[in-house]
């Protein structure tokens, strides 16, 4: 328990309200979540190399008035992926194209894993994605907020019949523990992982970043 520090929720209706946060002299930094991981970048003074390459920020450090954006999602996802991936799982489908999906693509590119991003407007989208494409891509990463609490009955349109025991399915959602997407994938025999370990690991990395300013 740290007596001199607290971690609070700052619920913003619009991204420009972040200016009020920056005016607080006691604020050392904060995390950023959906839907502001990309929009926050316009309000920062500097980006880490990873955040700049990814195009999304989920962690902000404030030091001597300078606001620096980092991406610790990539760290958390990389740890998750490497813990569970098998050599035969060598191609991926990324479901969604928001800030989290960009961090996922950055990690996949880093490890030379070819990937296709599926979104509502992409060439291969949620309407025309077929089971053959799913069968051919043994890593599936669900990066959208669909199915997050309290909308736990919601599920992406997805050809689950293309999944097999050879598939690794990672849903970045951690609340609930088991989304409809995870349940449907597990029923097809796929190995399924939720986003809790990624959440934990990105938080550890954020803590490390914020700790630098006390030294």
Protein backbone atom coordinates (compact mmCIF):
# COMPACT_ATOMS: atom_id res chain seq x y z
CA UNK A 1 0.00 0.00 0.00
CA UNK A 2 1.45 3.34 -1.06
CA UNK A 3 0.37 6.11 1.29
CA UNK A 4 1.41 8.99 -0.95
CA UNK A 5 -0.20 7.79 -4.18
CA UNK A 6 -3.66 6.95 -5.49
CA UNK A 7 -5.04 5.54 -8.74
CA UNK A 8 -8.40 7.00 -9.67
CA UNK A 9 -10.87 6.87 -12.55
CA UNK A 10 -11.25 10.03 -14.62
CA UNK A 11 -14.47 9.59 -16.58
CA UNK A 12 -14.44 11.99 -19.53
CA UNK A 13 -17.39 12.71 -21.81
CA UNK A 14 -15.16 14.25 -24.49
CA UNK A 15 -11.39 14.04 -25.05
CA UNK A 16 -10.90 17.81 -24.72
CA UNK A 17 -11.81 17.49 -21.03
CA UNK A 18 -8.33 16.02 -20.56
CA UNK A 19 -7.07 19.62 -20.42
CA UNK A 20 -8.67 19.87 -16.97
CA UNK A 21 -6.65 16.84 -15.86
CA UNK A 22 -3.41 18.39 -17.05
CA UNK A 23 -4.05 21.44 -14.90
CA UNK A 24 -3.77 19.31 -11.74
CA UNK A 25 -0.26 19.81 -10.26
CA UNK A 26 -0.40 16.50 -8.38
CA UNK A 27 -1.10 14.34 -11.43
CA UNK A 28 1.88 12.14 -12.35
CA UNK A 29 0.25 10.25 -15.19
CA UNK A 30 -2.72 8.15 -16.21
CA UNK A 31 -3.89 5.29 -18.40
CA UNK A 32 -6.05 5.82 -21.48
CA UNK A 33 -8.74 3.42 -22.60
CA UNK A 34 -11.35 3.09 -25.36
CA UNK A 35 -12.24 5.31 -27.21
CA UNK A 36 -9.40 7.80 -26.63
CA UNK A 37 -6.17 5.88 -27.32
CA UNK A 38 -5.67 7.64 -30.65
CA UNK A 39 -7.32 10.99 -29.88
CA UNK A 40 -5.14 11.61 -26.80
CA UNK A 41 -2.05 11.91 -29.00
CA UNK A 42 -3.05 15.43 -30.09
CA UNK A 43 -2.77 16.61 -26.47
CA UNK A 44 0.72 15.28 -25.73
CA UNK A 45 4.18 16.83 -26.07
CA UNK A 46 6.09 13.69 -26.99
CA UNK A 47 5.59 10.02 -27.89
CA UNK A 48 7.73 6.99 -27.16
CA UNK A 49 9.08 5.20 -30.23
CA UNK A 50 6.56 2.40 -29.83
CA UNK A 51 3.59 4.72 -29.35
CA UNK A 52 4.59 6.68 -32.45
CA UNK A 53 4.95 3.53 -34.58
CA UNK A 54 1.71 2.03 -33.26
CA UNK A 55 -0.32 5.23 -33.53
CA UNK A 56 -2.01 4.78 -30.16
CA UNK A 57 -1.31 5.66 -26.52
CA UNK A 58 -2.62 3.96 -23.40
CA UNK A 59 -0.21 5.39 -20.82
CA UNK A 60 0.76 9.01 -20.18
CA UNK A 61 3.65 10.23 -18.04
CA UNK A 62 3.68 13.83 -16.78
CA UNK A 63 7.13 14.99 -15.74
CA UNK A 64 8.11 18.63 -15.18
CA UNK A 65 5.04 19.70 -17.12
CA UNK A 66 5.94 17.57 -20.14
CA UNK A 67 3.31 15.04 -21.25
CA UNK A 68 4.72 11.87 -22.86
CA UNK A 69 2.63 9.10 -24.38
CA UNK A 70 3.55 5.40 -24.22
CA UNK A 71 1.95 2.19 -25.40
CA UNK A 72 2.10 -0.58 -22.80
CA UNK A 73 -0.67 -2.58 -24.52
CA UNK A 74 1.99 -3.87 -26.91
CA UNK A 75 4.10 -5.10 -23.98
CA UNK A 76 1.11 -6.84 -22.39
CA UNK A 77 -0.03 -8.46 -25.63
CA UNK A 78 3.48 -9.62 -26.53
CA UNK A 79 3.83 -11.37 -23.18
CA UNK A 80 0.43 -13.04 -23.68
CA UNK A 81 1.17 -14.13 -27.24
CA UNK A 82 4.60 -15.60 -26.54
CA UNK A 83 3.28 -17.48 -23.52
CA UNK A 84 0.69 -19.38 -25.56
CA UNK A 85 1.70 -19.39 -29.24
CA UNK A 86 2.78 -22.63 -30.93
CA UNK A 87 5.17 -22.72 -33.95
CA UNK A 88 2.36 -23.96 -36.21
CA UNK A 89 0.33 -20.84 -35.39
CA UNK A 90 2.06 -18.62 -37.93
CA UNK A 91 -0.66 -16.36 -39.39
CA UNK A 92 -3.17 -14.12 -37.62
CA UNK A 93 -6.50 -12.38 -38.01
CA UNK A 94 -6.92 -9.13 -36.07
CA UNK A 95 -10.58 -8.37 -35.39
CA UNK A 96 -11.00 -4.60 -35.11
CA UNK A 97 -8.88 -1.61 -36.10
CA UNK A 98 -8.81 0.62 -33.01
CA UNK A 99 -5.92 1.48 -30.71
CA UNK A 100 -5.64 -2.00 -29.19
CA UNK A 101 -5.66 -3.60 -32.64
CA UNK A 102 -2.81 -1.33 -33.71
CA UNK A 103 -0.73 -2.46 -30.73
CA UNK A 104 -1.48 -6.09 -31.62
CA UNK A 105 -0.41 -5.56 -35.25
CA UNK A 106 2.82 -3.91 -34.08
CA UNK A 107 3.69 -7.00 -32.02
CA UNK A 108 2.77 -9.43 -34.81
CA UNK A 109 4.91 -7.47 -37.28
CA UNK A 110 7.77 -7.46 -34.78
CA UNK A 111 7.68 -11.27 -34.68
CA UNK A 112 7.21 -11.61 -38.46
CA UNK A 113 3.72 -13.06 -38.14
CA UNK A 114 1.63 -12.12 -41.21
CA UNK A 115 -1.78 -10.74 -40.30
CA UNK A 116 -5.01 -9.45 -41.82
CA UNK A 117 -7.04 -6.78 -40.05
CA UNK A 118 -10.80 -7.31 -40.19
CA UNK A 119 -13.06 -4.31 -39.62
CA UNK A 120 -16.46 -3.10 -40.79
CA UNK A 121 -14.96 -1.28 -43.78
CA UNK A 122 -11.92 -3.42 -44.68
CA UNK A 123 -11.77 -5.46 -47.88
CA UNK A 124 -12.27 -8.62 -45.85
CA UNK A 125 -14.82 -7.50 -43.27
CA UNK A 126 -17.14 -8.99 -40.66
CA UNK A 127 -19.78 -9.64 -43.32
CA UNK A 128 -17.65 -11.52 -45.85
CA UNK A 129 -15.03 -13.21 -43.65
CA UNK A 130 -15.34 -16.92 -44.45
CA UNK A 131 -14.45 -20.12 -42.62
CA UNK A 132 -11.64 -20.96 -45.08
CA UNK A 133 -9.82 -17.74 -44.19
CA UNK A 134 -10.30 -18.51 -40.50
CA UNK A 135 -9.00 -22.07 -40.98
CA UNK A 136 -5.90 -20.68 -42.68
CA UNK A 137 -5.09 -18.23 -39.85
CA UNK A 138 -4.39 -20.10 -36.64
CA UNK A 139 -4.18 -17.01 -34.40
CA UNK A 140 -7.35 -14.94 -33.89
CA UNK A 141 -7.21 -11.77 -31.79
CA UNK A 142 -10.51 -10.14 -30.86
CA UNK A 143 -9.72 -6.44 -30.31
CA UNK A 144 -13.19 -4.84 -30.37
CA UNK A 145 -15.21 -3.93 -27.25
CA UNK A 146 -18.11 -6.12 -28.41
CA UNK A 147 -19.17 -8.36 -25.51
CA UNK A 148 -17.71 -6.18 -22.75
CA UNK A 149 -19.71 -5.88 -19.51
CA UNK A 150 -22.56 -5.01 -19.25
CA UNK A 151 -23.32 -6.10 -22.84
CA UNK A 152 -22.20 -9.64 -22.19
CA UNK A 153 -24.67 -11.26 -24.60
CA UNK A 154 -23.22 -9.38 -27.60
CA UNK A 155 -20.87 -11.18 -29.97
CA UNK A 156 -19.11 -10.32 -33.21
CA UNK A 157 -20.36 -11.85 -36.43
CA UNK A 158 -17.71 -14.50 -37.02
CA UNK A 159 -17.53 -17.89 -38.82
CA UNK A 160 -16.75 -19.97 -35.73
CA UNK A 161 -17.11 -23.14 -37.81
CA UNK A 162 -13.67 -22.33 -39.26
CA UNK A 163 -12.01 -22.80 -35.85
CA UNK A 164 -10.22 -26.00 -34.84
CA UNK A 165 -8.11 -27.38 -32.00
CA UNK A 166 -5.12 -25.91 -33.84
CA UNK A 167 -6.31 -22.34 -33.23
CA UNK A 168 -5.26 -19.85 -30.56
CA UNK A 169 -8.03 -17.33 -29.85
CA UNK A 170 -7.19 -14.28 -27.74
CA UNK A 171 -10.01 -11.93 -26.71
CA UNK A 172 -8.58 -8.74 -25.22
CA UNK A 173 -11.71 -8.27 -23.09
CA UNK A 174 -11.25 -9.20 -19.40
CA UNK A 175 -14.70 -8.31 -18.05
CA UNK A 176 -16.47 -10.71 -18.26
CA UNK A 177 -13.86 -13.47 -17.93
CA UNK A 178 -15.57 -15.43 -20.68
CA UNK A 179 -17.17 -13.44 -23.47
CA UNK A 180 -19.63 -14.97 -25.90
CA UNK A 181 -16.79 -14.90 -28.41
CA UNK A 182 -14.52 -16.93 -26.11
CA UNK A 183 -17.31 -19.40 -25.29
CA UNK A 184 -18.18 -19.93 -28.95
CA UNK A 185 -14.50 -20.40 -29.86
CA UNK A 186 -13.87 -22.88 -27.04
CA UNK A 187 -16.86 -24.96 -28.17
CA UNK A 188 -14.98 -25.50 -31.44
CA UNK A 189 -11.94 -26.79 -29.54
CA UNK A 190 -9.75 -23.71 -29.92
CA UNK A 191 -7.36 -22.71 -27.12
CA UNK A 192 -8.86 -19.51 -25.69
CA UNK A 193 -7.26 -16.72 -23.64
CA UNK A 194 -8.93 -13.60 -22.26
CA UNK A 195 -7.34 -10.19 -21.76
CA UNK A 196 -6.62 -10.38 -18.04
CA UNK A 197 -2.93 -11.30 -18.28
CA UNK A 198 -2.42 -8.57 -20.88
CA UNK A 199 -4.15 -6.08 -18.57
CA UNK A 200 -1.91 -7.13 -15.69
CA UNK A 201 1.30 -6.94 -17.72
CA UNK A 202 0.56 -3.57 -19.35
CA UNK A 203 -0.19 -2.21 -15.86
CA UNK A 204 3.16 -3.47 -14.58
CA UNK A 205 4.86 -1.69 -17.47
CA UNK A 206 2.92 1.52 -16.79
CA UNK A 207 3.95 1.38 -13.13
CA UNK A 208 7.56 1.06 -14.24
CA UNK A 209 7.20 4.14 -16.49
CA UNK A 210 5.59 6.25 -13.76
CA UNK A 211 8.25 5.18 -11.26
CA UNK A 212 11.01 6.75 -13.33
CA UNK A 213 9.93 10.24 -12.35
CA UNK A 214 10.51 9.59 -8.66
CA UNK A 215 14.17 8.83 -9.25
